[in-house]
Amino acid sequence: MLECQNKEESADLFRGFNYRRFHETLKYNKPMNIYYDNLKVNDENYIKFSENVA
């Protein structure tokens, strides 16, 4: 297990893990890329749903 000495080191560790590191379980994508892509899809679906309701 990785040990961090302070908040800055912890933040850097998480940034590296989420923004720079490729993950095998995500088909070698970065977690934040998956997250942002899902936000775009959800936003597009929300807009389409809103247009159909109005």
PDB file of N, CA and C in Angstrom:
ATOM      1  N   MET A   1       0.846  -1.182   0.000  1.00  0.00           N
ATOM      2  CA  MET A   1       0.000   0.000   0.000  1.00  0.00           C
ATOM      3  C   MET A   1       0.888   1.240   0.000  1.00  0.00           C
ATOM      4  N   LEU A   2       0.487   2.225  -0.775  1.00  0.00           N
ATOM      5  CA  LEU A   2       1.251   3.464  -0.831  1.00  0.00           C
ATOM      6  C   LEU A   2       0.933   4.335   0.371  1.00  0.00           C
ATOM      7  N   GLU A   3       1.947   4.983   0.884  1.00  0.00           N
ATOM      8  CA  GLU A   3       1.758   5.849   2.037  1.00  0.00           C
ATOM      9  C   GLU A   3       2.106   7.277   1.650  1.00  0.00           C
ATOM     10  N   CYS A   4       1.237   8.217   1.976  1.00  0.00           N
ATOM     11  CA  CYS A   4       1.456   9.623   1.658  1.00  0.00           C
ATOM     12  C   CYS A   4       1.755  10.393   2.941  1.00  0.00           C
ATOM     13  N   GLN A   5       2.654  11.333   2.824  1.00  0.00           N
ATOM     14  CA  GLN A   5       3.062  12.108   3.990  1.00  0.00           C
ATOM     15  C   GLN A   5       2.139  13.305   4.248  1.00  0.00           C
ATOM     16  N   ASN A   6       1.527  13.835   3.187  1.00  0.00           N
ATOM     17  CA  ASN A   6       0.675  15.003   3.378  1.00  0.00           C
ATOM     18  C   ASN A   6      -0.410  15.058   2.311  1.00  0.00           C
ATOM     19  N   LYS A   7      -1.275  16.072   2.400  1.00  0.00           N
ATOM     20  CA  LYS A   7      -2.395  16.194   1.471  1.00  0.00           C
ATOM     21  C   LYS A   7      -1.929  16.403   0.036  1.00  0.00           C
ATOM     22  N   GLU A   8      -0.858  17.146  -0.138  1.00  0.00           N
ATOM     23  CA  GLU A   8      -0.348  17.424  -1.487  1.00  0.00           C
ATOM     24  C   GLU A   8       0.104  16.134  -2.169  1.00  0.00           C
ATOM     25  N   GLU A   9       0.796  15.289  -1.423  1.00  0.00           N
ATOM     26  CA  GLU A   9       1.223  14.007  -1.984  1.00  0.00           C
ATOM     27  C   GLU A   9       0.014  13.129  -2.309  1.00  0.00           C
ATOM     28  N   SER A  10      -0.984  13.147  -1.447  1.00  0.00           N
ATOM     29  CA  SER A  10      -2.203  12.371  -1.689  1.00  0.00           C
ATOM     30  C   SER A  10      -2.903  12.853  -2.950  1.00  0.00           C
ATOM     31  N   ALA A  11      -3.030  14.165  -3.081  1.00  0.00           N
ATOM     32  CA  ALA A  11      -3.689  14.729  -4.253  1.00  0.00           C
ATOM     33  C   ALA A  11      -2.939  14.362  -5.523  1.00  0.00           C
ATOM     34  N   ASP A  12      -1.613  14.417  -5.488  1.00  0.00           N
ATOM     35  CA  ASP A  12      -0.812  14.066  -6.654  1.00  0.00           C
ATOM     36  C   ASP A  12      -0.977  12.582  -7.000  1.00  0.00           C
ATOM     37  N   LEU A  13      -1.036  11.751  -5.995  1.00  0.00           N
ATOM     38  CA  LEU A  13      -1.236  10.319  -6.210  1.00  0.00           C
ATOM     39  C   LEU A  13      -2.573  10.058  -6.899  1.00  0.00           C
ATOM     40  N   PHE A  14      -3.633  10.696  -6.415  1.00  0.00           N
ATOM     41  CA  PHE A  14      -4.950  10.508  -7.021  1.00  0.00           C
ATOM     42  C   PHE A  14      -5.024  11.086  -8.430  1.00  0.00           C
ATOM     43  N   ARG A  15      -4.381  12.230  -8.655  1.00  0.00           N
ATOM     44  CA  ARG A  15      -4.357  12.796 -10.015  1.00  0.00           C
ATOM     45  C   ARG A  15      -3.667  11.830 -10.971  1.00  0.00           C
ATOM     46  N   GLY A  16      -2.565  11.272 -10.550  1.00  0.00           N
ATOM     47  CA  GLY A  16      -1.857  10.316 -11.389  1.00  0.00           C
ATOM     48  C   GLY A  16      -2.691   9.085 -11.656  1.00  0.00           C
ATOM     49  N   PHE A  17      -3.370   8.615 -10.639  1.00  0.00           N
ATOM     50  CA  PHE A  17      -4.179   7.405 -10.768  1.00  0.00           C
ATOM     51  C   PHE A  17      -5.374   7.635 -11.680  1.00  0.00           C
ATOM     52  N   ASN A  18      -6.000   8.807 -11.604  1.00  0.00           N
ATOM     53  CA  ASN A  18      -7.228   9.071 -12.351  1.00  0.00           C
ATOM     54  C   ASN A  18      -7.026   9.745 -13.702  1.00  0.00           C
ATOM     55  N   TYR A  19      -5.961  10.525 -13.845  1.00  0.00           N
ATOM     56  CA  TYR A  19      -5.778  11.294 -15.074  1.00  0.00           C
ATOM     57  C   TYR A  19      -4.665  10.758 -15.982  1.00  0.00           C
ATOM     58  N   ARG A  20      -3.652  10.116 -15.426  1.00  0.00           N
ATOM     59  CA  ARG A  20      -2.494   9.735 -16.239  1.00  0.00           C
ATOM     60  C   ARG A  20      -2.317   8.235 -16.414  1.00  0.00           C
ATOM     61  N   ARG A  21      -2.899   7.445 -15.534  1.00  0.00           N
ATOM     62  CA  ARG A  21      -2.663   6.008 -15.554  1.00  0.00           C
ATOM     63  C   ARG A  21      -3.738   5.285 -16.358  1.00  0.00           C
ATOM     64  N   PHE A  22      -3.324   4.418 -17.254  1.00  0.00           N
ATOM     65  CA  PHE A  22      -4.245   3.589 -18.018  1.00  0.00           C
ATOM     66  C   PHE A  22      -4.645   2.392 -17.163  1.00  0.00           C
ATOM     67  N   HIS A  23      -5.914   1.990 -17.238  1.00  0.00           N
ATOM     68  CA  HIS A  23      -6.424   0.905 -16.406  1.00  0.00           C
ATOM     69  C   HIS A  23      -6.885  -0.257 -17.273  1.00  0.00           C
ATOM     70  N   GLU A  24      -6.397  -1.422 -16.959  1.00  0.00           N
ATOM     71  CA  GLU A  24      -6.746  -2.616 -17.724  1.00  0.00           C
ATOM     72  C   GLU A  24      -8.251  -2.872 -17.686  1.00  0.00           C
ATOM     73  N   THR A  25      -8.870  -2.705 -16.521  1.00  0.00           N
ATOM     74  CA  THR A  25     -10.305  -2.991 -16.409  1.00  0.00           C
ATOM     75  C   THR A  25     -11.163  -1.997 -17.182  1.00  0.00           C
ATOM     76  N   LEU A  26     -10.588  -0.881 -17.555  1.00  0.00           N
ATOM     77  CA  LEU A  26     -11.305   0.111 -18.366  1.00  0.00           C
ATOM     78  C   LEU A  26     -10.862   0.043 -19.821  1.00  0.00           C
ATOM     79  N   LYS A  27     -10.393  -1.121 -20.230  1.00  0.00           N
ATOM     80  CA  LYS A  27      -9.909  -1.349 -21.600  1.00  0.00           C
ATOM     81  C   LYS A  27      -8.800  -0.358 -21.952  1.00  0.00           C
ATOM     82  N   TYR A  28      -7.901  -0.169 -20.994  1.00  0.00           N
ATOM     83  CA  TYR A  28      -6.713   0.685 -21.140  1.00  0.00           C
ATOM     84  C   TYR A  28      -7.058   2.146 -21.417  1.00  0.00           C
ATOM     85  N   ASN A  29      -8.137   2.592 -20.804  1.00  0.00           N
ATOM     86  CA  ASN A  29      -8.493   4.008 -20.809  1.00  0.00           C
ATOM     87  C   ASN A  29      -8.159   4.591 -19.450  1.00  0.00           C
ATOM     88  N   LYS A  30      -8.153   5.897 -19.387  1.00  0.00           N
ATOM     89  CA  LYS A  30      -7.937   6.591 -18.117  1.00  0.00           C
ATOM     90  C   LYS A  30      -9.307   6.835 -17.471  1.00  0.00           C
ATOM     91  N   PRO A  31      -9.405   6.678 -16.159  1.00  0.00           N
ATOM     92  CA  PRO A  31     -10.700   6.834 -15.497  1.00  0.00           C
ATOM     93  C   PRO A  31     -11.403   8.159 -15.796  1.00  0.00           C
ATOM     94  N   MET A  32     -10.669   9.244 -15.808  1.00  0.00           N
ATOM     95  CA  MET A  32     -11.323  10.534 -16.047  1.00  0.00           C
ATOM     96  C   MET A  32     -11.829  10.659 -17.477  1.00  0.00           C
ATOM     97  N   ASN A  33     -11.175  10.004 -18.429  1.00  0.00           N
ATOM     98  CA  ASN A  33     -11.692  10.011 -19.800  1.00  0.00           C
ATOM     99  C   ASN A  33     -13.048   9.309 -19.850  1.00  0.00           C
ATOM    100  N   ILE A  34     -13.153   8.175 -19.171  1.00  0.00           N
ATOM    101  CA  ILE A  34     -14.421   7.452 -19.110  1.00  0.00           C
ATOM    102  C   ILE A  34     -15.478   8.314 -18.432  1.00  0.00           C
ATOM    103  N   TYR A  35     -15.110   8.936 -17.339  1.00  0.00           N
ATOM    104  CA  TYR A  35     -16.042   9.777 -16.585  1.00  0.00           C
ATOM    105  C   TYR A  35     -16.566  10.928 -17.449  1.00  0.00           C
ATOM    106  N   TYR A  36     -15.665  11.656 -18.104  1.00  0.00           N
ATOM    107  CA  TYR A  36     -16.083  12.791 -18.924  1.00  0.00           C
ATOM    108  C   TYR A  36     -16.890  12.351 -20.136  1.00  0.00           C
ATOM    109  N   ASP A  37     -16.549  11.233 -20.741  1.00  0.00           N
ATOM    110  CA  ASP A  37     -17.333  10.718 -21.860  1.00  0.00           C
ATOM    111  C   ASP A  37     -18.754  10.383 -21.410  1.00  0.00           C
ATOM    112  N   ASN A  38     -18.892   9.810 -20.229  1.00  0.00           N
ATOM    113  CA  ASN A  38     -20.222   9.495 -19.704  1.00  0.00           C
ATOM    114  C   ASN A  38     -21.007  10.749 -19.378  1.00  0.00           C
ATOM    115  N   LEU A  39     -20.346  11.792 -18.909  1.00  0.00           N
ATOM    116  CA  LEU A  39     -21.039  13.056 -18.668  1.00  0.00           C
ATOM    117  C   LEU A  39     -21.615  13.611 -19.963  1.00  0.00           C
ATOM    118  N   LYS A  40     -20.835  13.539 -21.030  1.00  0.00           N
ATOM    119  CA  LYS A  40     -21.299  14.033 -22.333  1.00  0.00           C
ATOM    120  C   LYS A  40     -22.520  13.257 -22.797  1.00  0.00           C
ATOM    121  N   VAL A  41     -22.471  11.937 -22.699  1.00  0.00           N
ATOM    122  CA  VAL A  41     -23.585  11.095 -23.131  1.00  0.00           C
ATOM    123  C   VAL A  41     -24.819  11.384 -22.292  1.00  0.00           C
ATOM    124  N   ASN A  42     -24.644  11.477 -20.979  1.00  0.00           N
ATOM    125  CA  ASN A  42     -25.781  11.765 -20.102  1.00  0.00           C
ATOM    126  C   ASN A  42     -26.368  13.134 -20.384  1.00  0.00           C
ATOM    127  N   ASP A  43     -25.523  14.124 -20.669  1.00  0.00           N
ATOM    128  CA  ASP A  43     -26.002  15.462 -20.980  1.00  0.00           C
ATOM    129  C   ASP A  43     -26.789  15.454 -22.287  1.00  0.00           C
ATOM    130  N   GLU A  44     -26.289  14.751 -23.302  1.00  0.00           N
ATOM    131  CA  GLU A  44     -26.992  14.654 -24.584  1.00  0.00           C
ATOM    132  C   GLU A  44     -28.338  13.957 -24.403  1.00  0.00           C
ATOM    133  N   ASN A  45     -28.370  12.898 -23.614  1.00  0.00           N
ATOM    134  CA  ASN A  45     -29.630  12.193 -23.360  1.00  0.00           C
ATOM    135  C   ASN A  45     -30.608  13.080 -22.606  1.00  0.00           C
ATOM    136  N   TYR A  46     -30.118  13.877 -21.669  1.00  0.00           N
ATOM    137  CA  TYR A  46     -30.980  14.784 -20.911  1.00  0.00           C
ATOM    138  C   TYR A  46     -31.584  15.834 -21.832  1.00  0.00           C
ATOM    139  N   ILE A  47     -30.770  16.369 -22.722  1.00  0.00           N
ATOM    140  CA  ILE A  47     -31.266  17.387 -23.659  1.00  0.00           C
ATOM    141  C   ILE A  47     -32.337  16.786 -24.566  1.00  0.00           C
ATOM    142  N   LYS A  48     -32.089  15.584 -25.094  1.00  0.00           N
ATOM    143  CA  LYS A  48     -33.083  14.917 -25.951  1.00  0.00           C
ATOM    144  C   LYS A  48     -34.372  14.661 -25.178  1.00  0.00           C
ATOM    145  N   PHE A  49     -34.251  14.205 -23.931  1.00  0.00           N
ATOM    146  CA  PHE A  49     -35.426  13.934 -23.098  1.00  0.00           C
ATOM    147  C   PHE A  49     -36.199  15.219 -22.840  1.00  0.00           C
ATOM    148  N   SER A  50     -35.494  16.301 -22.540  1.00  0.00           N
ATOM    149  CA  SER A  50     -36.138  17.583 -22.260  1.00  0.00           C
ATOM    150  C   SER A  50     -36.884  18.095 -23.471  1.00  0.00           C
ATOM    151  N   GLU A  51     -36.315  17.918 -24.662  1.00  0.00           N
ATOM    152  CA  GLU A  51     -36.971  18.371 -25.893  1.00  0.00           C
ATOM    153  C   GLU A  51     -38.248  17.572 -26.150  1.00  0.00           C
ATOM    154  N   ASN A  52     -38.233  16.281 -25.820  1.00  0.00           N
ATOM    155  CA  ASN A  52     -39.406  15.446 -26.046  1.00  0.00           C
ATOM    156  C   ASN A  52     -40.534  15.753 -25.050  1.00  0.00           C
ATOM    157  N   VAL A  53     -40.195  16.218 -23.876  1.00  0.00           N
ATOM    158  CA  VAL A  53     -41.197  16.496 -22.847  1.00  0.00           C
ATOM    159  C   VAL A  53     -41.883  17.828 -23.133  1.00  0.00           C
ATOM    160  N   ALA A  54     -41.152  18.787 -23.622  1.00  0.00           N
ATOM    161  CA  ALA A  54     -41.698  20.140 -23.828  1.00  0.00           C
ATOM    162  C   ALA A  54     -42.680  20.216 -24.950  1.00  0.00           C
TER     163      ALA A  54
END
